[in-house]
PDB file of all heavy atoms in Angstrom:
ATOM      1  N   GLU A   1       2.810  -6.553  -5.476  1.00  0.00           N
ATOM      2  CA  GLU A   1       1.478  -6.353  -6.063  1.00  0.00           C
ATOM      3  C   GLU A   1       0.408  -6.283  -4.970  1.00  0.00           C
ATOM      4  O   GLU A   1      -0.495  -5.436  -5.015  1.00  0.00           O
ATOM      5  CB  GLU A   1       1.196  -7.503  -7.020  1.00  0.00           C
ATOM      6  CG  GLU A   1      -0.182  -7.497  -7.644  1.00  0.00           C
ATOM      7  CD  GLU A   1      -0.436  -8.749  -8.471  1.00  0.00           C
ATOM      8  OE1 GLU A   1       0.541  -9.346  -8.973  1.00  0.00           O
ATOM      9  OE2 GLU A   1      -1.608  -9.140  -8.600  1.00  0.00           O
ATOM     10  N   ALA A   2       0.504  -7.166  -3.977  1.00  0.00           N
ATOM     11  CA  ALA A   2      -0.478  -7.177  -2.889  1.00  0.00           C
ATOM     12  C   ALA A   2      -0.362  -5.919  -2.036  1.00  0.00           C
ATOM     13  O   ALA A   2      -1.377  -5.337  -1.626  1.00  0.00           O
ATOM     14  CB  ALA A   2      -0.284  -8.421  -2.033  1.00  0.00           C
ATOM     15  N   LEU A   3       0.884  -5.483  -1.768  1.00  0.00           N
ATOM     16  CA  LEU A   3       1.083  -4.268  -0.976  1.00  0.00           C
ATOM     17  C   LEU A   3       0.498  -3.063  -1.694  1.00  0.00           C
ATOM     18  O   LEU A   3      -0.188  -2.223  -1.082  1.00  0.00           O
ATOM     19  CB  LEU A   3       2.574  -4.064  -0.715  1.00  0.00           C
ATOM     20  CG  LEU A   3       2.966  -2.795   0.044  1.00  0.00           C
ATOM     21  CD1 LEU A   3       2.288  -2.737   1.406  1.00  0.00           C
ATOM     22  CD2 LEU A   3       4.484  -2.711   0.192  1.00  0.00           C
ATOM     23  N   ALA A   4       0.735  -2.971  -3.006  1.00  0.00           N
ATOM     24  CA  ALA A   4       0.183  -1.860  -3.772  1.00  0.00           C
ATOM     25  C   ALA A   4      -1.340  -1.908  -3.804  1.00  0.00           C
ATOM     26  O   ALA A   4      -2.014  -0.873  -3.759  1.00  0.00           O
ATOM     27  CB  ALA A   4       0.742  -1.883  -5.197  1.00  0.00           C
ATOM     28  N   ALA A   5      -1.908  -3.112  -3.872  1.00  0.00           N
ATOM     29  CA  ALA A   5      -3.363  -3.249  -3.918  1.00  0.00           C
ATOM     30  C   ALA A   5      -4.017  -2.725  -2.646  1.00  0.00           C
ATOM     31  O   ALA A   5      -5.082  -2.101  -2.693  1.00  0.00           O
ATOM     32  CB  ALA A   5      -3.731  -4.716  -4.142  1.00  0.00           C
ATOM     33  N   LEU A   6      -3.398  -2.958  -1.498  1.00  0.00           N
ATOM     34  CA  LEU A   6      -3.985  -2.530  -0.226  1.00  0.00           C
ATOM     35  C   LEU A   6      -3.634  -1.095   0.124  1.00  0.00           C
ATOM     36  O   LEU A   6      -4.444  -0.384   0.745  1.00  0.00           O
ATOM     37  CB  LEU A   6      -3.540  -3.451   0.910  1.00  0.00           C
ATOM     38  CG  LEU A   6      -4.477  -4.631   1.227  1.00  0.00           C
ATOM     39  CD1 LEU A   6      -4.475  -5.630   0.081  1.00  0.00           C
ATOM     40  CD2 LEU A   6      -4.066  -5.310   2.534  1.00  0.00           C
ATOM     41  N   SER A   7      -2.414  -0.637  -0.246  1.00  0.00           N
ATOM     42  CA  SER A   7      -1.963   0.688   0.208  1.00  0.00           C
ATOM     43  C   SER A   7      -2.032   1.748  -0.884  1.00  0.00           C
ATOM     44  O   SER A   7      -1.678   2.902  -0.642  1.00  0.00           O
ATOM     45  CB  SER A   7      -0.529   0.602   0.732  1.00  0.00           C
ATOM     46  OG  SER A   7       0.375   0.256  -0.309  1.00  0.00           O
ATOM     47  N   GLY A   8      -2.443   1.398  -2.094  1.00  0.00           N
ATOM     48  CA  GLY A   8      -2.618   2.373  -3.156  1.00  0.00           C
ATOM     49  C   GLY A   8      -1.490   2.428  -4.148  1.00  0.00           C
ATOM     50  O   GLY A   8      -1.707   2.660  -5.334  1.00  0.00           O
ATOM     51  N   SER A   9      -0.257   2.244  -3.692  1.00  0.00           N
ATOM     52  CA  SER A   9       0.908   2.241  -4.580  1.00  0.00           C
ATOM     53  C   SER A   9       2.070   1.606  -3.840  1.00  0.00           C
ATOM     54  O   SER A   9       2.031   1.428  -2.616  1.00  0.00           O
ATOM     55  CB  SER A   9       1.280   3.663  -5.022  1.00  0.00           C
ATOM     56  OG  SER A   9       1.666   4.440  -3.902  1.00  0.00           O
ATOM     57  N   LEU A  10       3.105   1.285  -4.578  1.00  0.00           N
ATOM     58  CA  LEU A  10       4.269   0.658  -3.976  1.00  0.00           C
ATOM     59  C   LEU A  10       5.155   1.737  -3.356  1.00  0.00           C
ATOM     60  O   LEU A  10       5.604   2.644  -4.060  1.00  0.00           O
ATOM     61  CB  LEU A  10       5.051  -0.113  -5.043  1.00  0.00           C
ATOM     62  CG  LEU A  10       5.947  -1.261  -4.568  1.00  0.00           C
ATOM     63  CD1 LEU A  10       5.134  -2.328  -3.861  1.00  0.00           C
ATOM     64  CD2 LEU A  10       6.682  -1.875  -5.751  1.00  0.00           C
ATOM     65  N   PRO A  11       5.407   1.672  -2.048  1.00  0.00           N
ATOM     66  CA  PRO A  11       6.249   2.703  -1.424  1.00  0.00           C
ATOM     67  C   PRO A  11       7.714   2.534  -1.790  1.00  0.00           C
ATOM     68  O   PRO A  11       8.117   1.540  -2.396  1.00  0.00           O
ATOM     69  CB  PRO A  11       6.028   2.465   0.074  1.00  0.00           C
ATOM     70  CG  PRO A  11       5.693   1.021   0.186  1.00  0.00           C
ATOM     71  CD  PRO A  11       4.949   0.678  -1.079  1.00  0.00           C
ATOM     72  N   GLN A  12       8.522   3.508  -1.413  1.00  0.00           N
ATOM     73  CA  GLN A  12       9.964   3.423  -1.643  1.00  0.00           C
ATOM     74  C   GLN A  12      10.529   2.218  -0.900  1.00  0.00           C
ATOM     75  O   GLN A  12      10.152   1.933   0.239  1.00  0.00           O
ATOM     76  CB  GLN A  12      10.649   4.708  -1.163  1.00  0.00           C
ATOM     77  CG  GLN A  12      12.140   4.757  -1.436  1.00  0.00           C
ATOM     78  CD  GLN A  12      12.754   6.079  -0.994  1.00  0.00           C
ATOM     79  OE1 GLN A  12      12.052   7.066  -0.803  1.00  0.00           O
ATOM     80  NE2 GLN A  12      14.080   6.087  -0.847  1.00  0.00           N
ATOM     81  N   ALA A  13      11.445   1.518  -1.561  1.00  0.00           N
ATOM     82  CA  ALA A  13      11.998   0.301  -0.966  1.00  0.00           C
ATOM     83  C   ALA A  13      12.734   0.591   0.326  1.00  0.00           C
ATOM     84  O   ALA A  13      13.470   1.580   0.446  1.00  0.00           O
ATOM     85  CB  ALA A  13      12.949  -0.380  -1.955  1.00  0.00           C
ATOM     86  N   ARG A  14      12.489  -0.278   1.305  1.00  0.00           N
ATOM     87  CA  ARG A  14      13.193  -0.258   2.593  1.00  0.00           C
ATOM     88  C   ARG A  14      13.053   1.079   3.335  1.00  0.00           C
ATOM     89  O   ARG A  14      13.952   1.509   4.042  1.00  0.00           O
ATOM     90  CB  ARG A  14      14.677  -0.631   2.413  1.00  0.00           C
ATOM     91  CG  ARG A  14      14.856  -2.078   1.985  1.00  0.00           C
ATOM     92  CD  ARG A  14      16.303  -2.474   1.746  1.00  0.00           C
ATOM     93  NE  ARG A  14      16.381  -3.920   1.549  1.00  0.00           N
ATOM     94  CZ  ARG A  14      16.090  -4.531   0.410  1.00  0.00           C
ATOM     95  NH1 ARG A  14      15.720  -3.808  -0.645  1.00  0.00           N
ATOM     96  NH2 ARG A  14      16.151  -5.843   0.300  1.00  0.00           N
ATOM     97  N   ARG A  15      11.921   1.705   3.164  1.00  0.00           N
ATOM     98  CA  ARG A  15      11.630   2.946   3.889  1.00  0.00           C
ATOM     99  C   ARG A  15      10.199   2.891   4.394  1.00  0.00           C
ATOM    100  O   ARG A  15       9.259   2.693   3.604  1.00  0.00           O
ATOM    101  CB  ARG A  15      11.826   4.161   2.995  1.00  0.00           C
ATOM    102  CG  ARG A  15      11.630   5.471   3.740  1.00  0.00           C
ATOM    103  CD  ARG A  15      12.123   6.640   2.920  1.00  0.00           C
ATOM    104  NE  ARG A  15      11.982   7.898   3.649  1.00  0.00           N
ATOM    105  CZ  ARG A  15      12.427   9.070   3.198  1.00  0.00           C
ATOM    106  NH1 ARG A  15      13.018   9.128   2.001  1.00  0.00           N
ATOM    107  NH2 ARG A  15      12.265  10.154   3.913  1.00  0.00           N
ATOM    108  N   ALA A  16      10.033   3.022   5.696  1.00  0.00           N
ATOM    109  CA  ALA A  16       8.707   2.908   6.296  1.00  0.00           C
ATOM    110  C   ALA A  16       7.817   4.065   5.860  1.00  0.00           C
ATOM    111  O   ALA A  16       8.252   5.221   5.828  1.00  0.00           O
ATOM    112  CB  ALA A  16       8.817   2.867   7.816  1.00  0.00           C
ATOM    113  N   SER A  17       6.582   3.725   5.534  1.00  0.00           N
ATOM    114  CA  SER A  17       5.605   4.734   5.128  1.00  0.00           C
ATOM    115  C   SER A  17       4.286   4.470   5.837  1.00  0.00           C
ATOM    116  O   SER A  17       3.908   3.309   6.043  1.00  0.00           O
ATOM    117  CB  SER A  17       5.379   4.687   3.607  1.00  0.00           C
ATOM    118  OG  SER A  17       6.585   4.838   2.904  1.00  0.00           O
ATOM    119  N   VAL A  18       3.584   5.533   6.191  1.00  0.00           N
ATOM    120  CA  VAL A  18       2.259   5.396   6.791  1.00  0.00           C
ATOM    121  C   VAL A  18       1.225   5.502   5.677  1.00  0.00           C
ATOM    122  O   VAL A  18       1.198   6.491   4.930  1.00  0.00           O
ATOM    123  CB  VAL A  18       2.015   6.468   7.864  1.00  0.00           C
ATOM    124  CG1 VAL A  18       0.589   6.350   8.406  1.00  0.00           C
ATOM    125  CG2 VAL A  18       3.032   6.338   8.986  1.00  0.00           C
ATOM    126  N   ARG A  19       0.427   4.464   5.561  1.00  0.00           N
ATOM    127  CA  ARG A  19      -0.556   4.408   4.465  1.00  0.00           C
ATOM    128  C   ARG A  19      -1.909   3.917   4.993  1.00  0.00           C
ATOM    129  O   ARG A  19      -1.961   3.088   5.913  1.00  0.00           O
ATOM    130  CB  ARG A  19      -0.090   3.421   3.391  1.00  0.00           C
ATOM    131  CG  ARG A  19       1.211   3.780   2.678  1.00  0.00           C
ATOM    132  CD  ARG A  19       0.976   4.875   1.654  1.00  0.00           C
ATOM    133  NE  ARG A  19       2.184   5.148   0.888  1.00  0.00           N
ATOM    134  CZ  ARG A  19       2.505   4.534  -0.251  1.00  0.00           C
ATOM    135  NH1 ARG A  19       1.726   3.583  -0.738  1.00  0.00           N
ATOM    136  NH2 ARG A  19       3.600   4.874  -0.899  1.00  0.00           N
ATOM    137  N   PRO A  20      -3.007   4.375   4.379  1.00  0.00           N
ATOM    138  CA  PRO A  20      -4.308   3.750   4.638  1.00  0.00           C
ATOM    139  C   PRO A  20      -4.378   2.416   3.892  1.00  0.00           C
ATOM    140  O   PRO A  20      -3.947   2.317   2.743  1.00  0.00           O
ATOM    141  CB  PRO A  20      -5.314   4.756   4.082  1.00  0.00           C
ATOM    142  CG  PRO A  20      -4.553   5.491   3.021  1.00  0.00           C
ATOM    143  CD  PRO A  20      -3.120   5.534   3.472  1.00  0.00           C
ATOM    144  N   LEU A  21      -4.895   1.411   4.540  1.00  0.00           N
ATOM    145  CA  LEU A  21      -5.078   0.105   3.911  1.00  0.00           C
ATOM    146  C   LEU A  21      -6.547  -0.061   3.552  1.00  0.00           C
ATOM    147  O   LEU A  21      -7.433   0.143   4.399  1.00  0.00           O
ATOM    148  CB  LEU A  21      -4.630  -1.025   4.844  1.00  0.00           C
ATOM    149  CG  LEU A  21      -3.179  -1.004   5.317  1.00  0.00           C
ATOM    150  CD1 LEU A  21      -2.897  -2.222   6.196  1.00  0.00           C
ATOM    151  CD2 LEU A  21      -2.211  -0.968   4.137  1.00  0.00           C
ATOM    152  N   ARG A  22      -6.819  -0.452   2.304  1.00  0.00           N
ATOM    153  CA  ARG A  22      -8.196  -0.597   1.841  1.00  0.00           C
ATOM    154  C   ARG A  22      -8.379  -1.960   1.189  1.00  0.00           C
ATOM    155  O   ARG A  22      -7.446  -2.512   0.605  1.00  0.00           O
ATOM    156  CB  ARG A  22      -8.546   0.510   0.848  1.00  0.00           C
ATOM    157  CG  ARG A  22      -8.416   1.908   1.449  1.00  0.00           C
ATOM    158  CD  ARG A  22      -8.823   2.991   0.442  1.00  0.00           C
ATOM    159  NE  ARG A  22      -8.625   4.321   0.997  1.00  0.00           N
ATOM    160  CZ  ARG A  22      -9.512   4.957   1.772  1.00  0.00           C
ATOM    161  NH1 ARG A  22     -10.683   4.366   2.036  1.00  0.00           N
ATOM    162  NH2 ARG A  22      -9.253   6.153   2.241  1.00  0.00           N
ATOM    163  N   ASP A  23      -9.592  -2.495   1.292  1.00  0.00           N
ATOM    164  CA  ASP A  23      -9.870  -3.785   0.655  1.00  0.00           C
ATOM    165  C   ASP A  23     -10.214  -3.602  -0.817  1.00  0.00           C
ATOM    166  O   ASP A  23     -10.137  -2.478  -1.347  1.00  0.00           O
ATOM    167  CB  ASP A  23     -10.978  -4.522   1.404  1.00  0.00           C
ATOM    168  CG  ASP A  23     -12.315  -3.788   1.370  1.00  0.00           C
ATOM    169  OD1 ASP A  23     -12.483  -2.878   0.523  1.00  0.00           O
ATOM    170  OD2 ASP A  23     -13.198  -4.141   2.180  1.00  0.00           O
ATOM    171  N   GLY A  24     -10.605  -4.654  -1.480  1.00  0.00           N
ATOM    172  CA  GLY A  24     -10.879  -4.590  -2.909  1.00  0.00           C
ATOM    173  C   GLY A  24     -12.038  -3.683  -3.273  1.00  0.00           C
ATOM    174  O   GLY A  24     -12.129  -3.220  -4.414  1.00  0.00           O
ATOM    175  N   ASP A  25     -12.932  -3.410  -2.328  1.00  0.00           N
ATOM    176  CA  ASP A  25     -14.066  -2.515  -2.580  1.00  0.00           C
ATOM    177  C   ASP A  25     -13.757  -1.075  -2.209  1.00  0.00           C
ATOM    178  O   ASP A  25     -14.636  -0.208  -2.305  1.00  0.00           O
ATOM    179  CB  ASP A  25     -15.291  -2.993  -1.794  1.00  0.00           C
ATOM    180  CG  ASP A  25     -15.758  -4.370  -2.249  1.00  0.00           C
ATOM    181  OD1 ASP A  25     -15.618  -4.663  -3.463  1.00  0.00           O
ATOM    182  OD2 ASP A  25     -16.235  -5.147  -1.397  1.00  0.00           O
ATOM    183  N   GLY A  26     -12.551  -0.813  -1.710  1.00  0.00           N
ATOM    184  CA  GLY A  26     -12.166   0.547  -1.338  1.00  0.00           C
ATOM    185  C   GLY A  26     -12.469   0.899   0.107  1.00  0.00           C
ATOM    186  O   GLY A  26     -12.213   2.039   0.525  1.00  0.00           O
TER     187      GLY A  26
END
């Protein structure tokens, strides 16, 4: 839940993904 909150969605399990990280205000 925390990973999805910061990165936008839950990535595929056990596979590295490059994502923008955002706080609660976007």
